[in-house]
C-alpha atoms as a PDB file:
ATOM      1  CA  MET A   1       3.779 202.267 192.462  1.00  0.00           C
ATOM      2  CA  SER A   2       5.126 200.935 195.576  1.00  0.00           C
ATOM      3  CA  LYS A   3       7.334 197.971 196.030  1.00  0.00           C
ATOM      4  CA  LYS A   4       7.981 195.439 198.877  1.00  0.00           C
ATOM      5  CA  SER A   5      10.680 192.717 199.267  1.00  0.00           C
ATOM      6  CA  LEU A   6      11.132 189.623 201.053  1.00  0.00           C
ATOM      7  CA  ALA A   7      14.318 187.996 201.810  1.00  0.00           C
ATOM      8  CA  VAL A   8      14.017 184.259 202.025  1.00  0.00           C
ATOM      9  CA  GLY A   9      16.849 183.323 204.006  1.00  0.00           C
ATOM     10  CA  ALA A  10      18.201 179.920 203.401  1.00  0.00           C
ATOM     11  CA  LEU A  11      16.720 179.750 199.940  1.00  0.00           C
ATOM     12  CA  GLY A  12      19.182 182.361 199.060  1.00  0.00           C
ATOM     13  CA  ALA A  13      16.990 184.615 196.874  1.00  0.00           C
ATOM     14  CA  THR A  14      14.632 187.600 197.255  1.00  0.00           C
ATOM     15  CA  LEU A  15      11.421 187.712 195.759  1.00  0.00           C
ATOM     16  CA  VAL A  16       9.836 191.193 195.085  1.00  0.00           C
ATOM     17  CA  ALA A  17       6.068 191.791 195.208  1.00  0.00           C
ATOM     18  CA  THR A  18       4.726 194.673 193.312  1.00  0.00           C
ATOM     19  CA  MET A  19       1.700 196.068 194.219  1.00  0.00           C
ATOM     20  CA  VAL A  20       0.331 198.746 191.994  1.00  0.00           C
ATOM     21  CA  GLY A  21      -2.953 200.272 190.500  1.00  0.00           C
ATOM     22  CA  SER A  22      -2.093 199.411 186.882  1.00  0.00           C
ATOM     23  CA  ARG A  23      -1.641 195.696 185.911  1.00  0.00           C
ATOM     24  CA  ALA A  24       0.505 196.679 183.106  1.00  0.00           C
ATOM     25  CA  ASN A  25       3.311 197.669 185.769  1.00  0.00           C
ATOM     26  CA  LEU A  26       2.892 194.242 187.264  1.00  0.00           C
ATOM     27  CA  LYS A  27       3.838 192.614 184.052  1.00  0.00           C
ATOM     28  CA  ASN A  28       7.540 193.730 184.632  1.00  0.00           C
ATOM     29  CA  LEU A  29       7.675 191.295 187.286  1.00  0.00           C
ATOM     30  CA  THR A  30       6.246 187.802 186.474  1.00  0.00           C
ATOM     31  CA  TYR A  31       6.735 184.160 187.394  1.00  0.00           C
ATOM     32  CA  GLU A  32       6.083 180.746 185.440  1.00  0.00           C
ATOM     33  CA  VAL A  33       4.959 177.437 187.002  1.00  0.00           C
ATOM     34  CA  GLU A  34       7.548 174.496 186.968  1.00  0.00           C
ATOM     35  CA  ARG A  35       4.774 172.123 188.524  1.00  0.00           C
ATOM     36  CA  VAL A  36       1.928 171.968 190.559  1.00  0.00           C
ATOM     37  CA  VAL A  37       1.930 170.318 193.786  1.00  0.00           C
ATOM     38  CA  ASP A  38      -1.877 170.116 194.893  1.00  0.00           C
ATOM     39  CA  GLY A  39      -4.719 172.564 194.861  1.00  0.00           C
ATOM     40  CA  ASP A  40      -3.209 175.226 196.786  1.00  0.00           C
ATOM     41  CA  THR A  41       0.592 174.874 196.263  1.00  0.00           C
ATOM     42  CA  PHE A  42       3.040 175.157 193.219  1.00  0.00           C
ATOM     43  CA  VAL A  43       6.649 175.668 192.315  1.00  0.00           C
ATOM     44  CA  THR A  44       7.944 178.270 190.125  1.00  0.00           C
ATOM     45  CA  LYS A  45      10.864 177.827 187.586  1.00  0.00           C
ATOM     46  CA  GLU A  46      12.942 179.693 190.049  1.00  0.00           C
ATOM     47  CA  ASN A  47      12.260 176.533 192.222  1.00  0.00           C
ATOM     48  CA  GLN A  48      10.361 178.654 194.791  1.00  0.00           C
ATOM     49  CA  MET A  49       7.675 176.693 196.508  1.00  0.00           C
ATOM     50  CA  ILE A  50       4.527 179.217 196.610  1.00  0.00           C
ATOM     51  CA  ARG A  51       1.136 178.490 198.623  1.00  0.00           C
ATOM     52  CA  LEU A  52      -1.964 180.642 198.063  1.00  0.00           C
ATOM     53  CA  THR A  53      -3.183 182.988 200.739  1.00  0.00           C
ATOM     54  CA  GLY A  54      -6.160 182.257 202.702  1.00  0.00           C
ATOM     55  CA  VAL A  55      -7.437 179.086 201.298  1.00  0.00           C
ATOM     56  CA  ASP A  56      -7.063 175.183 201.634  1.00  0.00           C
ATOM     57  CA  ALA A  57      -7.426 172.666 198.987  1.00  0.00           C
ATOM     58  CA  PRO A  58      -8.042 169.124 200.008  1.00  0.00           C
ATOM     59  CA  GLU A  59      -5.084 166.899 200.344  1.00  0.00           C
ATOM     60  CA  MET A  60      -4.469 164.598 197.387  1.00  0.00           C
ATOM     61  CA  GLU A  61      -5.727 161.615 199.067  1.00  0.00           C
ATOM     62  CA  ASN A  62      -9.016 163.209 200.126  1.00  0.00           C
ATOM     63  CA  CYS A  63     -12.266 163.771 198.162  1.00  0.00           C
ATOM     64  CA  ASP A  64     -11.469 166.063 195.073  1.00  0.00           C
ATOM     65  CA  GLY A  65      -7.794 166.530 196.032  1.00  0.00           C
ATOM     66  CA  PRO A  66      -6.761 165.260 192.187  1.00  0.00           C
ATOM     67  CA  GLU A  67      -9.421 167.536 190.999  1.00  0.00           C
ATOM     68  CA  ALA A  68      -8.368 170.557 192.705  1.00  0.00           C
ATOM     69  CA  LYS A  69      -4.853 169.936 191.646  1.00  0.00           C
ATOM     70  CA  LYS A  70      -5.888 169.750 187.948  1.00  0.00           C
ATOM     71  CA  ALA A  71      -8.024 173.056 188.420  1.00  0.00           C
ATOM     72  CA  LEU A  72      -5.122 174.733 189.602  1.00  0.00           C
ATOM     73  CA  GLU A  73      -2.859 173.539 186.782  1.00  0.00           C
ATOM     74  CA  LYS A  74      -5.325 174.566 184.449  1.00  0.00           C
ATOM     75  CA  ILE A  75      -5.489 178.241 185.929  1.00  0.00           C
ATOM     76  CA  ILE A  76      -2.043 178.995 186.203  1.00  0.00           C
ATOM     77  CA  SER A  77       0.126 176.551 184.040  1.00  0.00           C
ATOM     78  CA  GLY A  78       1.777 178.271 181.118  1.00  0.00           C
ATOM     79  CA  LYS A  79       0.605 181.703 182.542  1.00  0.00           C
ATOM     80  CA  LYS A  80       2.513 184.762 183.708  1.00  0.00           C
ATOM     81  CA  LEU A  81       1.976 185.135 187.303  1.00  0.00           C
ATOM     82  CA  TYR A  82       2.127 188.163 189.701  1.00  0.00           C
ATOM     83  CA  LEU A  83       3.117 187.452 193.250  1.00  0.00           C
ATOM     84  CA  LYS A  84       2.879 189.569 196.610  1.00  0.00           C
ATOM     85  CA  VAL A  85       4.730 187.341 199.082  1.00  0.00           C
ATOM     86  CA  ILE A  86       3.202 187.517 202.552  1.00  0.00           C
ATOM     87  CA  TYR A  87       5.689 185.562 204.722  1.00  0.00           C
ATOM     88  CA  LYS A  88       7.603 182.210 204.450  1.00  0.00           C
ATOM     89  CA  ASP A  89       6.075 179.286 206.723  1.00  0.00           C
ATOM     90  CA  SER A  90       7.870 176.545 208.576  1.00  0.00           C
ATOM     91  CA  SER A  91       7.979 174.215 205.369  1.00  0.00           C
ATOM     92  CA  ASP A  92       9.831 177.039 203.171  1.00  0.00           C
ATOM     93  CA  ARG A  93       6.708 177.875 201.360  1.00  0.00           C
ATOM     94  CA  LEU A  94       6.375 181.459 200.313  1.00  0.00           C
ATOM     95  CA  ILE A  95       2.561 182.256 201.315  1.00  0.00           C
ATOM     96  CA  SER A  96       1.353 184.452 198.743  1.00  0.00           C
ATOM     97  CA  HIS A  97      -1.419 186.541 196.960  1.00  0.00           C
ATOM     98  CA  VAL A  98      -0.997 184.862 193.432  1.00  0.00           C
ATOM     99  CA  TYR A  99      -2.527 186.734 190.441  1.00  0.00           C
ATOM    100  CA  ASN A 100      -2.836 185.938 186.698  1.00  0.00           C
ATOM    101  CA  ASP A 101      -4.395 188.216 183.735  1.00  0.00           C
ATOM    102  CA  GLN A 102      -7.938 187.315 185.384  1.00  0.00           C
ATOM    103  CA  GLY A 103      -7.226 188.278 188.846  1.00  0.00           C
ATOM    104  CA  LEU A 104      -6.615 186.515 192.152  1.00  0.00           C
ATOM    105  CA  VAL A 105      -5.853 182.972 191.560  1.00  0.00           C
ATOM    106  CA  ALA A 106      -7.475 181.963 194.932  1.00  0.00           C
ATOM    107  CA  THR A 107     -10.686 183.447 193.909  1.00  0.00           C
ATOM    108  CA  GLN A 108     -10.981 181.483 190.480  1.00  0.00           C
ATOM    109  CA  MET A 109     -10.265 178.514 192.500  1.00  0.00           C
ATOM    110  CA  ALA A 110     -12.898 179.411 195.072  1.00  0.00           C
ATOM    111  CA  ALA A 111     -15.426 179.911 192.352  1.00  0.00           C
ATOM    112  CA  LEU A 112     -14.955 176.377 191.262  1.00  0.00           C
ATOM    113  CA  GLY A 113     -15.757 175.206 194.678  1.00  0.00           C
ATOM    114  CA  MET A 114     -12.102 173.769 194.928  1.00  0.00           C
ATOM    115  CA  VAL A 115     -10.917 175.328 198.076  1.00  0.00           C
ATOM    116  CA  TYR A 116     -12.063 176.273 201.498  1.00  0.00           C
ATOM    117  CA  TYR A 117     -11.534 179.895 202.463  1.00  0.00           C
ATOM    118  CA  THR A 118      -9.712 180.198 205.812  1.00  0.00           C
ATOM    119  CA  GLN A 119      -9.372 184.051 205.922  1.00  0.00           C
ATOM    120  CA  ALA A 120      -5.690 183.671 207.029  1.00  0.00           C
ATOM    121  CA  GLY A 121      -3.618 186.454 205.691  1.00  0.00           C
ATOM    122  CA  ILE A 122      -6.217 188.105 203.419  1.00  0.00           C
ATOM    123  CA  SER A 123      -9.398 189.666 203.548  1.00  0.00           C
ATOM    124  CA  ASP A 124     -10.876 190.012 199.981  1.00  0.00           C
ATOM    125  CA  PRO A 125     -14.550 190.650 199.341  1.00  0.00           C
ATOM    126  CA  GLY A 126     -14.582 188.821 195.880  1.00  0.00           C
ATOM    127  CA  LEU A 127     -12.648 185.900 197.299  1.00  0.00           C
ATOM    128  CA  LYS A 128     -15.208 185.472 200.180  1.00  0.00           C
ATOM    129  CA  PHE A 129     -18.360 186.048 197.792  1.00  0.00           C
ATOM    130  CA  ALA A 130     -16.974 183.253 195.279  1.00  0.00           C
ATOM    131  CA  TYR A 131     -16.609 180.819 198.296  1.00  0.00           C
ATOM    132  CA  LEU A 132     -19.889 181.534 199.657  1.00  0.00           C
ATOM    133  CA  LYS A 133     -21.439 181.184 196.309  1.00  0.00           C
ATOM    134  CA  ALA A 134     -19.596 177.846 195.554  1.00  0.00           C
ATOM    135  CA  LYS A 135     -20.845 176.777 199.100  1.00  0.00           C
ATOM    136  CA  GLN A 136     -24.465 177.669 198.605  1.00  0.00           C
ATOM    137  CA  ASP A 137     -24.459 176.215 195.149  1.00  0.00           C
ATOM    138  CA  LYS A 138     -22.885 172.927 196.370  1.00  0.00           C
ATOM    139  CA  VAL A 139     -20.218 172.480 193.930  1.00  0.00           C
ATOM    140  CA  GLY A 140     -16.568 171.020 194.204  1.00  0.00           C
ATOM    141  CA  ILE A 141     -15.681 170.255 197.526  1.00  0.00           C
ATOM    142  CA  PHE A 142     -19.122 171.153 198.834  1.00  0.00           C
ATOM    143  CA  SER A 143     -21.191 168.731 196.515  1.00  0.00           C
ATOM    144  CA  PRO A 144     -22.885 165.679 198.300  1.00  0.00           C
ATOM    145  CA  LYS A 145     -19.754 163.846 196.688  1.00  0.00           C
ATOM    146  CA  CYS A 146     -17.584 165.374 199.459  1.00  0.00           C
ATOM    147  CA  THR A 147     -19.800 167.176 202.007  1.00  0.00           C
ATOM    148  CA  GLN A 148     -22.428 164.763 203.197  1.00  0.00           C
ATOM    149  CA  THR A 149     -24.991 164.553 205.830  1.00  0.00           C
ATOM    150  CA  SER A 150     -26.256 161.141 205.199  1.00  0.00           C
ATOM    151  CA  ASN A 151     -23.889 157.949 204.068  1.00  0.00           C
ATOM    152  CA  VAL A 152     -25.181 157.747 200.261  1.00  0.00           C
ATOM    153  CA  ASN A 153     -22.794 154.803 199.660  1.00  0.00           C
ATOM    154  CA  ASN A 154     -23.597 152.712 202.842  1.00  0.00           C
ATOM    155  CA  PRO A 155     -26.698 154.009 204.522  1.00  0.00           C
ATOM    156  CA  LYS A 156     -26.254 151.428 207.286  1.00  0.00           C
ATOM    157  CA  CYS A 157     -23.076 152.897 208.610  1.00  0.00           C
ATOM    158  CA  LEU A 158     -24.303 156.087 210.429  1.00  0.00           C
ATOM    159  CA  ILE A 159     -21.109 156.931 212.674  1.00  0.00           C
ATOM    160  CA  LYS A 160     -19.856 160.529 211.590  1.00  0.00           C
ATOM    161  CA  GLY A 161     -15.939 160.810 212.054  1.00  0.00           C
ATOM    162  CA  ASN A 162     -14.765 164.226 211.886  1.00  0.00           C
ATOM    163  CA  LYS A 163     -11.251 165.283 211.603  1.00  0.00           C
ATOM    164  CA  ASN A 164     -10.120 168.718 212.575  1.00  0.00           C
ATOM    165  CA  VAL A 165      -7.606 169.907 210.405  1.00  0.00           C
ATOM    166  CA  TYR A 166      -6.278 172.653 212.426  1.00  0.00           C
ATOM    167  CA  ASP A 167      -6.037 171.140 216.086  1.00  0.00           C
ATOM    168  CA  LYS A 168      -5.800 167.448 214.760  1.00  0.00           C
ATOM    169  CA  ARG A 169      -8.526 166.183 217.063  1.00  0.00           C
ATOM    170  CA  LYS A 170     -10.531 163.109 215.530  1.00  0.00           C
ATOM    171  CA  LEU A 171     -13.992 162.752 217.163  1.00  0.00           C
ATOM    172  CA  TYR A 172     -16.977 160.620 216.294  1.00  0.00           C
ATOM    173  CA  ARG A 173     -20.537 160.939 216.630  1.00  0.00           C
ATOM    174  CA  PHE A 174     -23.637 158.701 216.093  1.00  0.00           C
ATOM    175  CA  PRO A 175     -27.655 159.131 216.299  1.00  0.00           C
ATOM    176  CA  GLY A 176     -28.578 160.207 219.707  1.00  0.00           C
ATOM    177  CA  CYS A 177     -25.395 162.355 220.108  1.00  0.00           C
ATOM    178  CA  GLY A 178     -26.139 166.064 220.743  1.00  0.00           C
ATOM    179  CA  GLN A 179     -24.512 167.627 217.742  1.00  0.00           C
ATOM    180  CA  TYR A 180     -24.880 164.373 215.146  1.00  0.00           C
ATOM    181  CA  ASN A 181     -27.576 166.371 213.303  1.00  0.00           C
ATOM    182  CA  ASN A 182     -25.603 169.507 212.983  1.00  0.00           C
ATOM    183  CA  THR A 183     -22.322 167.663 211.798  1.00  0.00           C
ATOM    184  CA  ASP A 184     -21.324 167.166 208.196  1.00  0.00           C
ATOM    185  CA  VAL A 185     -18.980 164.440 206.906  1.00  0.00           C
ATOM    186  CA  GLN A 186     -16.374 166.583 204.968  1.00  0.00           C
ATOM    187  CA  LEU A 187     -14.612 164.008 202.926  1.00  0.00           C
ATOM    188  CA  PHE A 188     -12.506 166.764 201.548  1.00  0.00           C
ATOM    189  CA  TRP A 189     -10.843 166.987 205.185  1.00  0.00           C
ATOM    190  CA  GLY A 190     -10.486 163.466 205.575  1.00  0.00           C
ATOM    191  CA  ASP A 191     -13.693 162.873 207.652  1.00  0.00           C
ATOM    192  CA  ARG A 192     -15.040 159.149 207.373  1.00  0.00           C
ATOM    193  CA  TRP A 193     -18.218 157.060 207.918  1.00  0.00           C
ATOM    194  CA  PHE A 194     -17.852 154.006 210.226  1.00  0.00           C
ATOM    195  CA  CYS A 195     -20.313 151.325 210.981  1.00  0.00           C
ATOM    196  CA  THR A 196     -19.394 150.642 214.565  1.00  0.00           C
ATOM    197  CA  GLU A 197     -17.677 152.473 217.405  1.00  0.00           C
ATOM    198  CA  SER A 198     -14.891 150.091 217.499  1.00  0.00           C
ATOM    199  CA  GLU A 199     -14.256 150.548 213.972  1.00  0.00           C
ATOM    200  CA  ALA A 200     -14.090 154.244 214.440  1.00  0.00           C
ATOM    201  CA  LYS A 201     -11.669 153.960 217.652  1.00  0.00           C
ATOM    202  CA  GLN A 202      -9.443 151.576 215.632  1.00  0.00           C
ATOM    203  CA  ALA A 203      -8.922 154.368 213.315  1.00  0.00           C
ATOM    204  CA  GLY A 204      -8.017 156.796 216.109  1.00  0.00           C
ATOM    205  CA  PHE A 205     -11.165 158.733 216.618  1.00  0.00           C
ATOM    206  CA  THR A 206     -12.682 159.596 220.032  1.00  0.00           C
ATOM    207  CA  LYS A 207     -16.133 159.838 221.119  1.00  0.00           C
ATOM    208  CA  GLY A 208     -17.728 163.171 221.006  1.00  0.00           C
ATOM    209  CA  SER A 209     -18.452 164.743 224.634  1.00  0.00           C
ATOM    210  CA  ASP A 210     -21.969 165.526 223.529  1.00  0.00           C
ATOM    211  CA  CYS A 211     -22.533 161.747 223.198  1.00  0.00           C
ATOM    212  CA  PHE A 212     -22.142 161.272 226.812  1.00  0.00           C
ATOM    213  CA  ASN A 213     -22.220 157.624 228.111  1.00  0.00           C
ATOM    214  CA  LYS A 214     -24.351 156.563 225.187  1.00  0.00           C
ATOM    215  CA  THR A 215     -23.455 153.442 223.015  1.00  0.00           C
ATOM    216  CA  PHE A 216     -24.363 152.941 219.351  1.00  0.00           C
ATOM    217  CA  HIS A 217     -26.157 150.020 218.565  1.00  0.00           C
ATOM    218  CA  PRO A 218     -26.186 149.186 214.747  1.00  0.00           C
ATOM    219  CA  GLY A 219     -29.650 148.790 213.414  1.00  0.00           C
ATOM    220  CA  GLN A 220     -31.492 150.522 216.214  1.00  0.00           C
END
């Protein structure tokens, strides 16, 4: 059995992550949930903020954000959890591989289609497979409720507004733009549909470069 420890500085505590071949040995060091923040973050009874490695859940205000939180609560609340801390981020969250008796928690969330697999900090075939299957089966955040190619609620509003959660760019495209047909509106990321270009611009979105000098004319 090998042990790794991580000092958490200002938090004034040390979490020891034990990675062993036998799950029975892991049970010597377990943690419990005080509260779940959202679909990828929770707080332990020791008041440590833990974030799952390698996945992103939708923010609470986005499509399936509340559903992702409920899914994580069901998986980890009242359970003994085993942690392997990878690092502490700028928000003092301990980015960790989190396990329960069923295995990697991130994989269980991915199987439900409740998280997006970013691969950051972890390379796990089971997690990747669960994510790809959920995406293929269009469940959770990948369902037509949250991932759309057409505006099912208002077919007249055709402009796709895409928000890049990593570099914060916000671009919009309309029919006639080069990448329009290849663009999904991922409501779980905060993407939006717009009826007019002025509406998109007022929301802080910029016309995609693949639209060139074209202008969107509603109804055409």
